[in-house]
C-alpha atoms as a PDB file:
ATOM      1  CA  MET A   1      99.738  84.376  67.734  1.00  0.00           C
ATOM      2  CA  LEU A   2     101.711  87.566  68.233  1.00  0.00           C
ATOM      3  CA  LYS A   3     105.146  87.661  66.638  1.00  0.00           C
ATOM      4  CA  THR A   4     108.233  88.712  68.570  1.00  0.00           C
ATOM      5  CA  GLU A   5     109.361  91.060  65.794  1.00  0.00           C
ATOM      6  CA  GLU A   6     106.019  92.897  65.925  1.00  0.00           C
ATOM      7  CA  ILE A   7     106.332  93.384  69.679  1.00  0.00           C
ATOM      8  CA  GLN A   8     109.934  94.548  69.336  1.00  0.00           C
ATOM      9  CA  ALA A   9     108.896  97.053  66.650  1.00  0.00           C
ATOM     10  CA  PHE A  10     106.091  98.348  68.891  1.00  0.00           C
ATOM     11  CA  ILE A  11     108.447  98.805  71.858  1.00  0.00           C
ATOM     12  CA  GLN A  12     111.010 100.590  69.699  1.00  0.00           C
ATOM     13  CA  ILE A  13     108.365 102.963  68.323  1.00  0.00           C
ATOM     14  CA  VAL A  14     107.370 103.878  71.890  1.00  0.00           C
ATOM     15  CA  ASN A  15     110.990 104.339  72.983  1.00  0.00           C
ATOM     16  CA  SER A  16     111.984 106.319  69.882  1.00  0.00           C
ATOM     17  CA  GLY A  17     108.835 108.424  69.576  1.00  0.00           C
ATOM     18  CA  THR A  18     108.287 107.967  65.833  1.00  0.00           C
ATOM     19  CA  ILE A  19     108.119 105.161  63.300  1.00  0.00           C
ATOM     20  CA  THR A  20     110.951 106.783  61.344  1.00  0.00           C
ATOM     21  CA  ALA A  21     113.278 106.842  64.378  1.00  0.00           C
ATOM     22  CA  ALA A  22     112.309 103.276  65.285  1.00  0.00           C
ATOM     23  CA  ALA A  23     113.083 102.111  61.756  1.00  0.00           C
ATOM     24  CA  GLY A  24     116.535 103.668  62.028  1.00  0.00           C
ATOM     25  CA  GLN A  25     117.236 101.948  65.333  1.00  0.00           C
ATOM     26  CA  LEU A  26     115.995  98.593  64.030  1.00  0.00           C
ATOM     27  CA  GLN A  27     117.811  99.096  60.709  1.00  0.00           C
ATOM     28  CA  LEU A  28     114.593  98.392  58.814  1.00  0.00           C
ATOM     29  CA  ALA A  29     112.605 100.256  56.201  1.00  0.00           C
ATOM     30  CA  LYS A  30     109.986 102.608  57.600  1.00  0.00           C
ATOM     31  CA  SER A  31     107.319 100.733  55.635  1.00  0.00           C
ATOM     32  CA  ALA A  32     108.334  97.434  57.287  1.00  0.00           C
ATOM     33  CA  VAL A  33     108.037  98.882  60.800  1.00  0.00           C
ATOM     34  CA  SER A  34     104.696 100.508  59.933  1.00  0.00           C
ATOM     35  CA  ARG A  35     103.433  97.196  58.569  1.00  0.00           C
ATOM     36  CA  ARG A  36     104.453  95.333  61.731  1.00  0.00           C
ATOM     37  CA  LEU A  37     102.568  97.861  63.847  1.00  0.00           C
ATOM     38  CA  SER A  38      99.449  97.573  61.687  1.00  0.00           C
ATOM     39  CA  GLU A  39      99.532  93.779  61.840  1.00  0.00           C
ATOM     40  CA  LEU A  40      99.940  93.902  65.618  1.00  0.00           C
ATOM     41  CA  GLU A  41      96.966  96.235  66.045  1.00  0.00           C
ATOM     42  CA  GLU A  42      94.885  94.068  63.710  1.00  0.00           C
ATOM     43  CA  GLN A  43      95.619  90.933  65.727  1.00  0.00           C
ATOM     44  CA  LEU A  44      94.886  92.686  69.025  1.00  0.00           C
ATOM     45  CA  GLY A  45      91.777  94.391  67.686  1.00  0.00           C
ATOM     46  CA  VAL A  46      92.685  97.748  69.264  1.00  0.00           C
ATOM     47  CA  GLU A  47      94.536 100.921  68.334  1.00  0.00           C
ATOM     48  CA  LEU A  48      97.794 101.222  70.258  1.00  0.00           C
ATOM     49  CA  PHE A  49      98.530 104.828  69.283  1.00  0.00           C
ATOM     50  CA  HIS A  50      96.687 108.082  68.807  1.00  0.00           C
ATOM     51  CA  ARG A  51      97.942 109.291  65.435  1.00  0.00           C
ATOM     52  CA  THR A  52      98.347 112.929  64.384  1.00  0.00           C
ATOM     53  CA  THR A  53     100.319 114.483  61.550  1.00  0.00           C
ATOM     54  CA  ARG A  54     103.142 115.339  63.963  1.00  0.00           C
ATOM     55  CA  LYS A  55     103.407 112.601  66.529  1.00  0.00           C
ATOM     56  CA  LEU A  56     102.249 109.316  67.993  1.00  0.00           C
ATOM     57  CA  SER A  57     100.953 108.978  71.537  1.00  0.00           C
ATOM     58  CA  LEU A  58      99.916 105.802  73.320  1.00  0.00           C
ATOM     59  CA  THR A  59      96.274 105.009  73.902  1.00  0.00           C
ATOM     60  CA  ASP A  60      95.319 103.612  77.306  1.00  0.00           C
ATOM     61  CA  SER A  61      95.322 100.126  75.778  1.00  0.00           C
ATOM     62  CA  GLY A  62      98.671 100.821  74.154  1.00  0.00           C
ATOM     63  CA  ARG A  63     100.218 101.970  77.420  1.00  0.00           C
ATOM     64  CA  ALA A  64      99.038  98.869  79.295  1.00  0.00           C
ATOM     65  CA  PHE A  65     100.223  96.601  76.468  1.00  0.00           C
ATOM     66  CA  TYR A  66     103.606  98.345  76.365  1.00  0.00           C
ATOM     67  CA  GLU A  67     104.248  97.815  80.068  1.00  0.00           C
ATOM     68  CA  ARG A  68     103.427  94.108  79.787  1.00  0.00           C
ATOM     69  CA  CYS A  69     105.547  93.688  76.642  1.00  0.00           C
ATOM     70  CA  VAL A  70     108.585  95.279  78.248  1.00  0.00           C
ATOM     71  CA  GLN A  71     108.248  93.020  81.273  1.00  0.00           C
ATOM     72  CA  ILE A  72     107.799  89.910  79.142  1.00  0.00           C
ATOM     73  CA  LEU A  73     110.857  90.613  76.979  1.00  0.00           C
ATOM     74  CA  ASP A  74     112.924  91.426  80.059  1.00  0.00           C
ATOM     75  CA  ASP A  75     111.834  88.157  81.655  1.00  0.00           C
ATOM     76  CA  LEU A  76     112.798  86.243  78.510  1.00  0.00           C
ATOM     77  CA  THR A  77     116.210  87.891  78.438  1.00  0.00           C
ATOM     78  CA  GLU A  78     116.797  87.137  82.108  1.00  0.00           C
ATOM     79  CA  ALA A  79     115.748  83.539  81.531  1.00  0.00           C
ATOM     80  CA  GLU A  80     118.266  83.267  78.702  1.00  0.00           C
ATOM     81  CA  HIS A  81     121.013  84.674  80.920  1.00  0.00           C
ATOM     82  CA  SER A  82     120.150  82.328  83.780  1.00  0.00           C
ATOM     83  CA  VAL A  83     120.612  79.182  81.672  1.00  0.00           C
ATOM     84  CA  SER A  84     123.739  80.382  79.864  1.00  0.00           C
ATOM     85  CA  GLU A  85     127.115  79.175  81.003  1.00  0.00           C
ATOM     86  CA  SER A  86     128.418  81.541  83.662  1.00  0.00           C
ATOM     87  CA  HIS A  87     131.803  81.700  81.974  1.00  0.00           C
ATOM     88  CA  ARG A  88     130.462  82.668  78.554  1.00  0.00           C
ATOM     89  CA  GLU A  89     132.264  85.737  77.234  1.00  0.00           C
ATOM     90  CA  ILE A  90     130.139  88.832  76.729  1.00  0.00           C
ATOM     91  CA  ARG A  91     129.979  90.199  73.200  1.00  0.00           C
ATOM     92  CA  GLY A  92     128.154  92.794  71.134  1.00  0.00           C
ATOM     93  CA  LYS A  93     127.939  96.579  70.854  1.00  0.00           C
ATOM     94  CA  ILE A  94     127.795  99.135  73.652  1.00  0.00           C
ATOM     95  CA  LYS A  95     126.754 102.585  72.450  1.00  0.00           C
ATOM     96  CA  ILE A  96     127.781 105.140  75.046  1.00  0.00           C
ATOM     97  CA  ALA A  97     127.625 108.931  75.344  1.00  0.00           C
ATOM     98  CA  VAL A  98     130.334 110.538  77.483  1.00  0.00           C
ATOM     99  CA  PRO A  99     131.392 114.122  78.269  1.00  0.00           C
ATOM    100  CA  LEU A 100     134.342 115.155  76.118  1.00  0.00           C
ATOM    101  CA  THR A 101     137.031 116.063  78.657  1.00  0.00           C
ATOM    102  CA  PHE A 102     136.092 113.577  81.378  1.00  0.00           C
ATOM    103  CA  GLY A 103     135.739 110.931  78.701  1.00  0.00           C
ATOM    104  CA  VAL A 104     139.155 111.459  77.162  1.00  0.00           C
ATOM    105  CA  MET A 105     141.047 112.023  80.429  1.00  0.00           C
ATOM    106  CA  HIS A 106     139.485 109.383  82.676  1.00  0.00           C
ATOM    107  CA  LEU A 107     136.895 107.177  80.967  1.00  0.00           C
ATOM    108  CA  GLY A 108     139.070 106.528  77.920  1.00  0.00           C
ATOM    109  CA  PRO A 109     141.658 104.442  79.817  1.00  0.00           C
ATOM    110  CA  ALA A 110     138.852 102.577  81.607  1.00  0.00           C
ATOM    111  CA  ILE A 111     137.108 101.756  78.326  1.00  0.00           C
ATOM    112  CA  ILE A 112     140.386 100.515  76.833  1.00  0.00           C
ATOM    113  CA  ASP A 113     141.026  98.274  79.847  1.00  0.00           C
ATOM    114  CA  PHE A 114     137.484  96.887  79.714  1.00  0.00           C
ATOM    115  CA  GLN A 115     137.769  96.043  76.025  1.00  0.00           C
ATOM    116  CA  ARG A 116     141.118  94.336  76.618  1.00  0.00           C
ATOM    117  CA  GLN A 117     139.317  92.093  79.105  1.00  0.00           C
ATOM    118  CA  HIS A 118     136.380  91.570  76.717  1.00  0.00           C
ATOM    119  CA  PRO A 119     137.711  91.684  73.135  1.00  0.00           C
ATOM    120  CA  ASP A 120     134.325  90.740  71.623  1.00  0.00           C
ATOM    121  CA  ILE A 121     132.782  93.988  72.839  1.00  0.00           C
ATOM    122  CA  HIS A 122     132.456  96.732  70.241  1.00  0.00           C
ATOM    123  CA  PHE A 123     132.214 100.270  71.637  1.00  0.00           C
ATOM    124  CA  ASP A 124     130.437 103.065  69.771  1.00  0.00           C
ATOM    125  CA  ILE A 125     131.431 106.192  71.732  1.00  0.00           C
ATOM    126  CA  ASP A 126     130.107 109.735  71.353  1.00  0.00           C
ATOM    127  CA  PHE A 127     132.505 112.172  73.057  1.00  0.00           C
ATOM    128  CA  ASN A 128     130.344 115.263  73.431  1.00  0.00           C
ATOM    129  CA  ASP A 129     129.351 117.710  76.158  1.00  0.00           C
ATOM    130  CA  ARG A 130     125.791 118.094  74.906  1.00  0.00           C
ATOM    131  CA  GLU A 131     123.006 116.363  76.829  1.00  0.00           C
ATOM    132  CA  VAL A 132     121.957 113.550  74.509  1.00  0.00           C
ATOM    133  CA  ASP A 133     118.527 111.922  74.436  1.00  0.00           C
ATOM    134  CA  LEU A 134     119.466 108.333  75.258  1.00  0.00           C
ATOM    135  CA  ILE A 135     116.223 106.795  74.020  1.00  0.00           C
ATOM    136  CA  GLN A 136     115.761 108.900  70.902  1.00  0.00           C
ATOM    137  CA  GLU A 137     119.381 108.432  69.808  1.00  0.00           C
ATOM    138  CA  GLY A 138     119.649 104.767  70.727  1.00  0.00           C
ATOM    139  CA  PHE A 139     122.342 104.906  73.417  1.00  0.00           C
ATOM    140  CA  ASP A 140     122.719 101.993  75.820  1.00  0.00           C
ATOM    141  CA  VAL A 141     124.219 104.118  78.566  1.00  0.00           C
ATOM    142  CA  GLY A 142     125.377 107.682  79.147  1.00  0.00           C
ATOM    143  CA  ILE A 143     127.776 109.323  81.568  1.00  0.00           C
ATOM    144  CA  ARG A 144     126.586 112.582  83.092  1.00  0.00           C
ATOM    145  CA  ILE A 145     128.396 114.979  85.416  1.00  0.00           C
ATOM    146  CA  ALA A 146     125.761 116.995  87.231  1.00  0.00           C
ATOM    147  CA  ASN A 147     123.393 117.247  90.117  1.00  0.00           C
ATOM    148  CA  LEU A 148     120.717 115.279  88.308  1.00  0.00           C
ATOM    149  CA  LYS A 149     117.234 116.704  88.141  1.00  0.00           C
ATOM    150  CA  ASP A 150     114.248 114.434  88.623  1.00  0.00           C
ATOM    151  CA  SER A 151     113.821 112.341  85.488  1.00  0.00           C
ATOM    152  CA  SER A 152     112.705 108.966  84.232  1.00  0.00           C
ATOM    153  CA  LEU A 153     116.327 107.838  83.871  1.00  0.00           C
ATOM    154  CA  ILE A 154     117.980 105.351  86.193  1.00  0.00           C
ATOM    155  CA  ALA A 155     121.271 106.682  87.557  1.00  0.00           C
ATOM    156  CA  ARG A 156     124.166 104.916  89.267  1.00  0.00           C
ATOM    157  CA  LYS A 157     126.703 107.120  90.998  1.00  0.00           C
ATOM    158  CA  LEU A 158     130.287 106.523  89.898  1.00  0.00           C
ATOM    159  CA  ALA A 159     132.290 109.258  91.625  1.00  0.00           C
ATOM    160  CA  GLU A 160     132.104 112.574  93.438  1.00  0.00           C
ATOM    161  CA  ILE A 161     133.617 115.604  91.751  1.00  0.00           C
ATOM    162  CA  SER A 162     134.506 118.772  93.617  1.00  0.00           C
ATOM    163  CA  LEU A 163     134.537 122.175  91.933  1.00  0.00           C
ATOM    164  CA  PRO A 164     137.359 124.125  93.583  1.00  0.00           C
ATOM    165  CA  VAL A 165     137.657 127.845  92.930  1.00  0.00           C
ATOM    166  CA  CYS A 166     141.199 128.591  91.725  1.00  0.00           C
ATOM    167  CA  ALA A 167     143.436 131.229  90.245  1.00  0.00           C
ATOM    168  CA  SER A 168     147.036 131.328  89.109  1.00  0.00           C
ATOM    169  CA  PRO A 169     149.733 132.694  91.433  1.00  0.00           C
ATOM    170  CA  ALA A 170     150.370 135.498  88.919  1.00  0.00           C
ATOM    171  CA  TYR A 171     146.711 136.531  88.913  1.00  0.00           C
ATOM    172  CA  LEU A 172     146.527 136.550  92.717  1.00  0.00           C
ATOM    173  CA  LEU A 173     149.771 138.552  92.952  1.00  0.00           C
ATOM    174  CA  GLU A 174     148.419 141.211  90.608  1.00  0.00           C
ATOM    175  CA  HIS A 175     144.785 141.382  91.738  1.00  0.00           C
ATOM    176  CA  GLY A 176     144.810 140.087  95.296  1.00  0.00           C
ATOM    177  CA  GLU A 177     143.022 137.046  96.703  1.00  0.00           C
ATOM    178  CA  PRO A 178     139.228 137.119  97.181  1.00  0.00           C
ATOM    179  CA  GLN A 179     138.350 136.653 100.850  1.00  0.00           C
ATOM    180  CA  THR A 180     134.610 135.978 100.474  1.00  0.00           C
ATOM    181  CA  PRO A 181     132.422 134.751  97.611  1.00  0.00           C
ATOM    182  CA  ASP A 182     131.010 138.280  97.228  1.00  0.00           C
ATOM    183  CA  ASP A 183     134.526 139.486  96.360  1.00  0.00           C
ATOM    184  CA  LEU A 184     134.274 137.532  93.096  1.00  0.00           C
ATOM    185  CA  GLN A 185     132.078 140.298  91.748  1.00  0.00           C
ATOM    186  CA  GLU A 186     135.231 142.443  91.601  1.00  0.00           C
ATOM    187  CA  HIS A 187     137.396 139.815  89.892  1.00  0.00           C
ATOM    188  CA  ALA A 188     137.616 138.506  86.341  1.00  0.00           C
ATOM    189  CA  CYS A 189     135.953 135.083  86.271  1.00  0.00           C
ATOM    190  CA  ILE A 190     136.059 132.387  83.598  1.00  0.00           C
ATOM    191  CA  THR A 191     132.764 130.492  83.264  1.00  0.00           C
ATOM    192  CA  TYR A 192     131.476 127.348  81.560  1.00  0.00           C
ATOM    193  CA  SER A 193     128.860 128.308  78.977  1.00  0.00           C
ATOM    194  CA  TYR A 194     126.995 124.975  78.876  1.00  0.00           C
ATOM    195  CA  LEU A 195     125.650 125.554  82.393  1.00  0.00           C
ATOM    196  CA  GLU A 196     122.133 126.913  82.748  1.00  0.00           C
ATOM    197  CA  HIS A 197     123.470 129.867  84.777  1.00  0.00           C
ATOM    198  CA  PRO A 198     127.225 130.064  84.053  1.00  0.00           C
ATOM    199  CA  ASP A 199     127.833 133.183  86.131  1.00  0.00           C
ATOM    200  CA  LEU A 200     125.936 132.000  89.232  1.00  0.00           C
ATOM    201  CA  TRP A 201     128.339 130.194  91.599  1.00  0.00           C
ATOM    202  CA  SER A 202     127.091 128.465  94.758  1.00  0.00           C
ATOM    203  CA  PHE A 203     128.893 128.050  98.080  1.00  0.00           C
ATOM    204  CA  HIS A 204     128.147 127.045 101.645  1.00  0.00           C
ATOM    205  CA  ASP A 205     129.171 129.602 104.241  1.00  0.00           C
ATOM    206  CA  LYS A 206     130.805 128.811 107.579  1.00  0.00           C
ATOM    207  CA  ALA A 207     127.387 128.131 109.106  1.00  0.00           C
ATOM    208  CA  GLY A 208     126.515 125.679 106.351  1.00  0.00           C
ATOM    209  CA  LYS A 209     124.039 128.001 104.643  1.00  0.00           C
ATOM    210  CA  GLN A 210     124.032 127.959 100.858  1.00  0.00           C
ATOM    211  CA  VAL A 211     124.827 131.263  99.195  1.00  0.00           C
ATOM    212  CA  SER A 212     124.916 132.086  95.485  1.00  0.00           C
ATOM    213  CA  VAL A 213     126.988 134.830  93.927  1.00  0.00           C
ATOM    214  CA  LYS A 214     126.639 136.371  90.487  1.00  0.00           C
ATOM    215  CA  VAL A 215     130.277 136.599  89.471  1.00  0.00           C
ATOM    216  CA  ASN A 216     131.944 139.017  87.068  1.00  0.00           C
ATOM    217  CA  ASN A 217     131.931 136.968  83.852  1.00  0.00           C
ATOM    218  CA  SER A 218     134.994 138.106  81.925  1.00  0.00           C
ATOM    219  CA  MET A 219     135.220 135.045  79.679  1.00  0.00           C
ATOM    220  CA  SER A 220     132.896 132.146  78.862  1.00  0.00           C
ATOM    221  CA  ALA A 221     133.734 128.958  76.963  1.00  0.00           C
ATOM    222  CA  ASN A 222     132.302 125.495  76.396  1.00  0.00           C
ATOM    223  CA  ASN A 223     135.581 123.584  76.668  1.00  0.00           C
ATOM    224  CA  GLY A 224     137.139 122.775  80.024  1.00  0.00           C
ATOM    225  CA  LEU A 225     140.707 122.393  78.763  1.00  0.00           C
ATOM    226  CA  PHE A 226     140.691 125.829  77.152  1.00  0.00           C
ATOM    227  CA  MET A 227     139.302 127.326  80.353  1.00  0.00           C
ATOM    228  CA  LEU A 228     142.093 125.613  82.286  1.00  0.00           C
ATOM    229  CA  ASP A 229     144.719 127.132  79.967  1.00  0.00           C
ATOM    230  CA  ALA A 230     143.160 130.580  80.337  1.00  0.00           C
ATOM    231  CA  ALA A 231     143.193 130.346  84.135  1.00  0.00           C
ATOM    232  CA  THR A 232     146.798 129.128  84.337  1.00  0.00           C
ATOM    233  CA  ALA A 233     147.755 132.005  82.012  1.00  0.00           C
ATOM    234  CA  GLY A 234     146.445 134.410  84.642  1.00  0.00           C
ATOM    235  CA  LEU A 235     143.306 135.596  82.861  1.00  0.00           C
ATOM    236  CA  GLY A 236     140.954 135.116  85.787  1.00  0.00           C
ATOM    237  CA  VAL A 237     139.404 133.055  88.572  1.00  0.00           C
ATOM    238  CA  ILE A 238     137.909 129.708  87.658  1.00  0.00           C
ATOM    239  CA  ARG A 239     135.528 127.262  89.328  1.00  0.00           C
ATOM    240  CA  HIS A 240     136.545 124.025  87.688  1.00  0.00           C
ATOM    241  CA  PRO A 241     136.066 120.272  88.110  1.00  0.00           C
ATOM    242  CA  ALA A 242     138.939 118.719  90.032  1.00  0.00           C
ATOM    243  CA  PHE A 243     139.204 115.956  87.416  1.00  0.00           C
ATOM    244  CA  ILE A 244     140.412 118.605  84.946  1.00  0.00           C
ATOM    245  CA  ALA A 245     142.434 120.905  87.212  1.00  0.00           C
ATOM    246  CA  TYR A 246     144.050 118.380  89.590  1.00  0.00           C
ATOM    247  CA  GLU A 247     147.463 118.244  87.906  1.00  0.00           C
ATOM    248  CA  GLU A 248     147.758 122.048  87.685  1.00  0.00           C
ATOM    249  CA  ILE A 249     146.741 122.361  91.351  1.00  0.00           C
ATOM    250  CA  ALA A 250     149.275 119.713  92.399  1.00  0.00           C
ATOM    251  CA  ALA A 251     151.986 121.513  90.419  1.00  0.00           C
ATOM    252  CA  GLY A 252     151.164 124.908  91.941  1.00  0.00           C
ATOM    253  CA  LYS A 253     150.046 126.387  88.618  1.00  0.00           C
ATOM    254  CA  LEU A 254     146.606 126.979  90.122  1.00  0.00           C
ATOM    255  CA  VAL A 255     145.927 127.867  93.757  1.00  0.00           C
ATOM    256  CA  PRO A 256     142.619 126.874  95.438  1.00  0.00           C
ATOM    257  CA  ILE A 257     140.989 129.887  97.101  1.00  0.00           C
ATOM    258  CA  LEU A 258     137.934 130.486  99.314  1.00  0.00           C
ATOM    259  CA  GLN A 259     138.508 127.057 100.822  1.00  0.00           C
ATOM    260  CA  GLU A 260     136.705 127.968 104.049  1.00  0.00           C
ATOM    261  CA  TYR A 261     133.574 128.260 101.906  1.00  0.00           C
ATOM    262  CA  ALA A 262     132.540 124.858 100.603  1.00  0.00           C
ATOM    263  CA  ALA A 263     132.081 125.217  96.863  1.00  0.00           C
ATOM    264  CA  GLU A 264     129.346 123.313  95.094  1.00  0.00           C
ATOM    265  CA  SER A 265     130.196 119.733  94.054  1.00  0.00           C
ATOM    266  CA  VAL A 266     128.677 117.361  91.523  1.00  0.00           C
ATOM    267  CA  ASN A 267     128.724 113.645  90.796  1.00  0.00           C
ATOM    268  CA  ALA A 268     129.503 111.471  87.813  1.00  0.00           C
ATOM    269  CA  TYR A 269     126.677 109.049  87.008  1.00  0.00           C
ATOM    270  CA  ALA A 270     126.060 106.201  84.609  1.00  0.00           C
ATOM    271  CA  ILE A 271     122.487 106.614  83.377  1.00  0.00           C
ATOM    272  CA  TYR A 272     120.141 104.493  81.298  1.00  0.00           C
ATOM    273  CA  PRO A 273     116.408 104.379  80.537  1.00  0.00           C
ATOM    274  CA  PRO A 274     114.260 102.237  82.859  1.00  0.00           C
ATOM    275  CA  THR A 275     112.227 100.920  79.933  1.00  0.00           C
ATOM    276  CA  ARG A 276     115.273  99.396  78.259  1.00  0.00           C
ATOM    277  CA  HIS A 277     116.558  96.076  79.485  1.00  0.00           C
ATOM    278  CA  LEU A 278     120.077  96.481  80.764  1.00  0.00           C
ATOM    279  CA  SER A 279     121.992  93.846  78.829  1.00  0.00           C
ATOM    280  CA  GLN A 280     124.596  91.719  80.509  1.00  0.00           C
ATOM    281  CA  ARG A 281     127.392  93.480  78.632  1.00  0.00           C
ATOM    282  CA  VAL A 282     126.162  96.932  79.692  1.00  0.00           C
ATOM    283  CA  ARG A 283     125.601  95.754  83.260  1.00  0.00           C
ATOM    284  CA  GLN A 284     129.151  94.424  83.462  1.00  0.00           C
ATOM    285  CA  PHE A 285     130.537  97.636  81.982  1.00  0.00           C
ATOM    286  CA  VAL A 286     128.681  99.830  84.505  1.00  0.00           C
ATOM    287  CA  ASP A 287     129.834  97.533  87.329  1.00  0.00           C
ATOM    288  CA  PHE A 288     133.386  97.859  86.024  1.00  0.00           C
ATOM    289  CA  LEU A 289     133.207 101.657  86.055  1.00  0.00           C
ATOM    290  CA  ALA A 290     131.694 101.726  89.546  1.00  0.00           C
ATOM    291  CA  GLU A 291     134.526  99.557  90.848  1.00  0.00           C
ATOM    292  CA  ARG A 292     137.152 101.535  88.921  1.00  0.00           C
ATOM    293  CA  PHE A 293     136.123 104.862  90.454  1.00  0.00           C
ATOM    294  CA  SER A 294     135.070 103.612  93.898  1.00  0.00           C
ATOM    295  CA  GLY A 295     136.384 105.371  96.986  1.00  0.00           C
ATOM    296  CA  LYS A 296     138.015 108.771  96.825  1.00  0.00           C
ATOM    297  CA  PRO A 297     138.945 109.513  93.188  1.00  0.00           C
ATOM    298  CA  TYR A 298     142.602 110.190  92.511  1.00  0.00           C
ATOM    299  CA  TRP A 299     141.816 113.634  91.134  1.00  0.00           C
ATOM    300  CA  GLU A 300     140.539 114.696  94.577  1.00  0.00           C
ATOM    301  CA  GLU A 301     143.880 114.003  96.281  1.00  0.00           C
ATOM    302  CA  CYS A 302     145.184 117.471  95.336  1.00  0.00           C
ATOM    303  CA  LEU A 303     142.583 119.081  97.601  1.00  0.00           C
ATOM    304  CA  LYS A 304     143.769 117.810 100.973  1.00  0.00           C
END
């Protein structure tokens, strides 16, 4: 009879990509994970992976077996949840990857409130603007701010985020206010370097047609708070998430411009791999975030 630990090791190897990574996620020796895989293949009488010196890839039999194993373990977990007392307190670890500035400014208070409600939850939080590999690095859930490309990840929208184009009153007094997106080519612009095309800003014109402008990139940085300080100091025009700039806009330190041209917007999403069962604790946390940020976010109120 197949052993649960062998199946779990097999699933983790597939999700992680290598036996070494799977061993790290399972907190086992590499030799123990390799042995479990060998014993599983011996019992089944088939090879589950094509093996090369660099990587593992599923055989056709391995792929079919993987899909059934994931479904079976998910069904077992759901069965356990269905017979548990509905009032039982959730517990355990939630490993989450969040963008640095959005995480500190807006997710941080939400995470604190959630843990106050559920003191047996242990959060392991990576505040970082890099795009992490959720499966490879063992994250339960990630928060992404983007227009998501097609991927194998499941995404749940949390909030809409506008990207107003702004400048300080001092900058506009000295250099004049751009009247069209094309005018930005004659202005100093501060751009976010983690974007694929930092100096390419998109708008919708008065007819609703999308237009893109290659702006004059006078400064580029990978930290939104520094960029905010540079813009309020009068160093240039900025296209910045409202969740960062909303207080400066409300205080008049930054002035939204080109408002008749709808600037590009993005969304905040909670994402997780479809092959990983979404535990009850993670499901409740994502539900909590969706409720917390439902409706029009408070950071958008400055853009009336």
